[in-house]
Amino acid sequence: MKSIFLLGLLLMNWTVGLNSQTSTKVPQELEAKPTLKHKGKEALQFCRTKDMNEEFCILIDMSKHSGLKRFYVWNFAAQKPVHSFLVSHGCCDNPWSMDYSKTNPIFSNRDGSHCSSLGKYKIGARGKSAWGIGINYLLHGLEKSNSNALKRAIVLHSWEQVPDEEVYPNGTPEGWGCPCLSNNNFRLLDPLLAKVSKPMLLWIYNDN
C-alpha cells in the first residue's frame, strides 16, 4: 500500500508540473517575429538621413504581448539585439499599474490620454526622474503620431513595478504612456545612452 501511495503522489506532482508548464508556454504566434531585422534595416536608413546614431537604436514592438520582452537595443552592425527587456505601455482609460491591455494596447497622441504613442523618437537629454532610479531621457516625437511627446512629459525611465524578466501570461504593469523598464534593466541601458555622441533613435511600432 505504501508503494502505491508513493506512486500516486509522484504521478500527481508530475501532472501538476505538466499543467503548469502548459499554462505558461508562449504560443508560437507570440514569439519574436522575423520582421525585427527588417525594422533594424529601415531604422538604419532613417538614422543616416537624420544624422543620428548609426551604432545602436531602440526598437519597441507593441504587437507583442506585454508580458514578453519587446524592447530591443538593436546593434546595426551585428543586425541583432544586444539587450531585450520588458517595457510598459500606457493604460489609457484602464486603471493605472494593472495589465488590462496586455494584448491590445490603444495608442494616442492626445495630451491627458495616458496612452502610448507610436512612431519614431529622438532620445534627448538625460535628466532627473521622480521614478525608478531617478534618471530619465527626454523623448522628442518625430512624427505626427507622437508630436506631443514633450508636452505630455513622455520620457524613457525606470519604474519599480516593471519586472526584470518575462511574466507571461501576465502583462507588464501599465503607466501613463512612458516606455518604462525595470530598475535593473535601466541600469544596463543608461551607460549606453549616456555615452553616445549622436542622438539615438527610439521607434515604437505595432504591425498588427
Protein backbone atom coordinates (compact mmCIF):
# COMPACT_ATOMS: atom_id res chain seq x y z
CA MET A 1 0.00 0.00 0.00
CA LYS A 2 2.85 2.37 0.81
CA SER A 3 4.43 1.89 -2.63
CA ILE A 4 1.06 2.51 -4.34
CA PHE A 5 0.59 5.71 -2.32
CA LEU A 6 4.07 6.98 -3.27
CA LEU A 7 3.47 6.15 -6.93
CA GLY A 8 0.19 8.06 -6.84
CA LEU A 9 1.88 11.06 -5.20
CA LEU A 10 4.64 11.13 -7.84
CA LEU A 11 2.05 10.91 -10.63
CA MET A 12 0.07 13.80 -9.14
CA ASN A 13 3.17 16.02 -8.87
CA TRP A 14 4.16 15.20 -12.46
CA THR A 15 0.65 16.10 -13.68
CA VAL A 16 0.64 19.42 -11.79
CA GLY A 17 4.07 20.30 -13.20
CA LEU A 18 2.96 19.43 -16.72
CA ASN A 19 -0.15 21.58 -16.42
CA SER A 20 1.94 24.47 -15.06
CA GLN A 21 4.35 24.27 -17.99
CA THR A 22 1.47 24.14 -20.47
CA SER A 23 -0.27 27.16 -18.98
CA THR A 24 2.82 29.39 -19.21
CA LYS A 25 4.12 28.21 -22.58
CA VAL A 26 4.30 31.11 -25.03
CA PRO A 27 2.20 30.42 -28.15
CA GLN A 28 4.24 30.36 -31.33
CA GLU A 29 2.43 33.38 -32.78
CA LEU A 30 3.63 35.47 -29.81
CA GLU A 31 7.31 34.63 -30.26
CA ALA A 32 9.74 37.12 -31.83
CA LYS A 33 8.73 37.98 -35.37
CA PRO A 34 11.10 37.84 -38.35
CA THR A 35 10.26 41.47 -39.11
CA LEU A 36 12.65 42.64 -36.37
CA LYS A 37 15.67 42.53 -38.70
CA HIS A 38 13.67 44.37 -41.36
CA LYS A 39 12.83 47.08 -38.83
CA GLY A 40 16.52 47.34 -37.97
CA LYS A 41 17.45 47.93 -41.60
CA GLU A 42 14.71 50.53 -42.02
CA ALA A 43 15.83 52.25 -38.81
CA LEU A 44 19.42 52.45 -40.06
CA GLN A 45 18.35 54.19 -43.26
CA PHE A 46 16.33 56.66 -41.21
CA CYS A 47 19.28 57.37 -38.91
CA ARG A 48 21.57 58.01 -41.86
CA THR A 49 19.20 60.58 -43.32
CA LYS A 50 18.70 62.32 -39.95
CA ASP A 51 22.36 62.29 -38.81
CA MET A 52 21.52 60.09 -35.83
CA ASN A 53 23.49 57.33 -34.10
CA GLU A 54 24.42 54.56 -36.53
CA GLU A 55 25.68 52.06 -33.94
CA PHE A 56 22.52 51.40 -31.96
CA CYS A 57 18.82 52.17 -31.86
CA ILE A 58 15.91 51.07 -29.71
CA LEU A 59 13.01 49.13 -31.22
CA ILE A 60 9.79 48.56 -29.24
CA ASP A 61 7.39 46.04 -30.77
CA MET A 62 3.95 46.82 -29.36
CA SER A 63 2.39 43.97 -31.33
CA LYS A 64 3.88 41.55 -28.78
CA HIS A 65 2.19 40.55 -25.53
CA SER A 66 3.35 42.95 -22.81
CA GLY A 67 4.47 40.10 -20.57
CA LEU A 68 7.17 39.24 -23.13
CA LYS A 69 10.38 41.10 -23.89
CA ARG A 70 9.62 43.59 -26.66
CA PHE A 71 12.16 46.38 -26.02
CA TYR A 72 15.27 45.76 -28.12
CA VAL A 73 18.59 47.59 -28.05
CA TRP A 74 19.46 46.95 -31.69
CA ASN A 75 23.06 46.72 -32.90
CA PHE A 76 23.13 47.88 -36.51
CA ALA A 77 26.45 46.19 -37.37
CA ALA A 78 25.52 42.81 -35.90
CA GLN A 79 21.90 43.12 -37.07
CA LYS A 80 20.61 41.75 -33.78
CA PRO A 81 19.66 42.99 -30.31
CA VAL A 82 22.35 43.28 -27.65
CA HIS A 83 19.65 43.59 -24.95
CA SER A 84 15.95 42.77 -24.78
CA PHE A 85 13.73 43.89 -21.90
CA LEU A 86 10.16 44.12 -20.71
CA VAL A 87 8.66 47.56 -21.25
CA SER A 88 5.42 49.16 -20.11
CA HIS A 89 2.87 50.96 -22.25
CA GLY A 90 0.11 53.42 -21.39
CA CYS A 91 -3.03 52.32 -19.56
CA CYS A 92 -5.30 54.85 -21.35
CA ASP A 93 -8.70 54.65 -19.63
CA ASN A 94 -7.83 51.48 -17.71
CA PRO A 95 -6.65 51.54 -14.07
CA TRP A 96 -3.02 52.59 -13.63
CA SER A 97 -0.41 49.88 -12.84
CA MET A 98 -2.61 46.96 -14.00
CA ASP A 99 -2.30 44.92 -17.22
CA TYR A 100 -5.76 45.14 -18.78
CA SER A 101 -4.43 45.93 -22.28
CA LYS A 102 -1.56 43.44 -22.29
CA THR A 103 -2.67 42.04 -25.67
CA ASN A 104 -4.43 45.04 -27.22
CA PRO A 105 -2.92 48.41 -26.28
CA ILE A 106 -4.58 51.58 -27.55
CA PHE A 107 -2.39 54.42 -28.84
CA SER A 108 -2.97 58.15 -28.79
CA ASN A 109 -1.02 61.38 -29.18
CA ARG A 110 -3.61 63.36 -27.22
CA ASP A 111 -2.45 65.13 -24.07
CA GLY A 112 -4.03 63.56 -21.00
CA SER A 113 -4.89 60.30 -22.77
CA HIS A 114 -2.44 58.22 -20.67
CA CYS A 115 -1.79 56.17 -23.83
CA SER A 116 1.48 55.39 -25.55
CA SER A 117 2.18 56.97 -28.94
CA LEU A 118 3.50 55.09 -31.93
CA GLY A 119 6.29 56.46 -34.09
CA LYS A 120 9.95 57.40 -34.19
CA TYR A 121 11.51 59.45 -31.39
CA LYS A 122 14.85 61.13 -30.89
CA ILE A 123 16.23 60.33 -27.45
CA GLY A 124 17.17 63.64 -25.88
CA ALA A 125 18.83 64.96 -22.76
CA ARG A 126 19.45 62.89 -19.65
CA GLY A 127 17.68 64.30 -16.61
CA LYS A 128 16.33 63.60 -13.15
CA SER A 129 13.23 61.50 -12.59
CA ALA A 130 10.86 61.07 -9.67
CA TRP A 131 10.53 57.41 -10.64
CA GLY A 132 12.76 54.36 -10.51
CA ILE A 133 16.47 55.00 -10.18
CA GLY A 134 15.99 58.76 -10.57
CA ILE A 135 17.10 59.12 -14.20
CA ASN A 136 15.12 59.77 -17.37
CA TYR A 137 15.70 60.69 -21.00
CA LEU A 138 13.56 63.17 -22.92
CA LEU A 139 11.78 61.83 -25.99
CA HIS A 140 11.27 64.11 -28.98
CA GLY A 141 8.46 62.86 -31.22
CA LEU A 142 9.48 62.98 -34.88
CA GLU A 143 6.12 62.12 -36.44
CA LYS A 144 2.55 63.34 -36.43
CA SER A 145 1.58 60.32 -34.32
CA ASN A 146 3.90 61.33 -31.43
CA SER A 147 4.39 65.08 -31.87
CA ASN A 148 3.07 65.86 -28.37
CA ALA A 149 5.64 63.73 -26.52
CA LEU A 150 7.38 66.66 -24.81
CA LYS A 151 4.10 68.38 -23.99
CA ARG A 152 2.82 65.16 -22.45
CA ALA A 153 6.07 64.61 -20.49
CA ILE A 154 6.60 61.27 -22.20
CA VAL A 155 10.11 60.17 -21.22
CA LEU A 156 12.17 56.99 -21.05
CA HIS A 157 12.65 55.96 -17.43
CA SER A 158 12.57 53.07 -14.95
CA TRP A 159 9.75 52.01 -12.66
CA GLU A 160 9.82 49.73 -9.63
CA GLN A 161 6.73 47.84 -10.77
CA VAL A 162 8.27 46.65 -14.04
CA PRO A 163 9.80 43.16 -13.59
CA ASP A 164 13.28 42.17 -14.75
CA GLU A 165 12.14 39.02 -16.55
CA GLU A 166 9.17 37.90 -18.60
CA VAL A 167 5.88 37.44 -16.75
CA TYR A 168 3.69 35.91 -19.49
CA PRO A 169 0.76 35.11 -19.37
CA ASN A 170 0.56 38.16 -17.08
CA GLY A 171 1.38 41.55 -18.56
CA THR A 172 3.76 44.33 -17.59
CA PRO A 173 2.10 46.96 -15.34
CA GLU A 174 0.82 49.90 -17.38
CA GLY A 175 1.66 53.54 -16.71
CA TRP A 176 0.64 56.84 -18.26
CA GLY A 177 2.29 56.45 -21.64
CA CYS A 178 6.03 56.42 -20.95
CA PRO A 179 8.14 53.45 -22.01
CA CYS A 180 9.38 52.18 -18.63
CA LEU A 181 11.94 49.50 -17.86
CA SER A 182 12.74 47.74 -14.62
CA ASN A 183 15.28 49.47 -12.41
CA ASN A 184 17.93 46.81 -13.03
CA ASN A 185 17.46 46.81 -16.80
CA PHE A 186 17.55 50.60 -16.94
CA ARG A 187 20.91 50.47 -15.17
CA LEU A 188 22.15 48.36 -18.10
CA LEU A 189 20.77 50.79 -20.66
CA ASP A 190 21.79 54.09 -19.05
CA PRO A 191 25.58 53.85 -19.68
CA LEU A 192 24.96 53.19 -23.36
CA LEU A 193 22.64 56.18 -23.74
CA ALA A 194 24.87 58.45 -21.67
CA LYS A 195 27.96 57.97 -23.84
CA VAL A 196 26.55 58.24 -27.40
CA SER A 197 27.91 61.09 -29.50
CA LYS A 198 24.83 61.42 -31.72
CA PRO A 199 21.15 61.24 -30.76
CA MET A 200 19.74 57.72 -30.70
CA LEU A 201 16.52 56.62 -32.38
CA LEU A 202 13.72 55.02 -30.35
CA TRP A 203 11.00 53.54 -32.52
CA ILE A 204 7.67 52.35 -31.10
CA TYR A 205 5.67 50.39 -33.66
CA ASN A 206 2.73 48.00 -33.93
CA ASP A 207 2.41 45.85 -37.05
CA ASN A 208 -0.82 44.13 -36.05
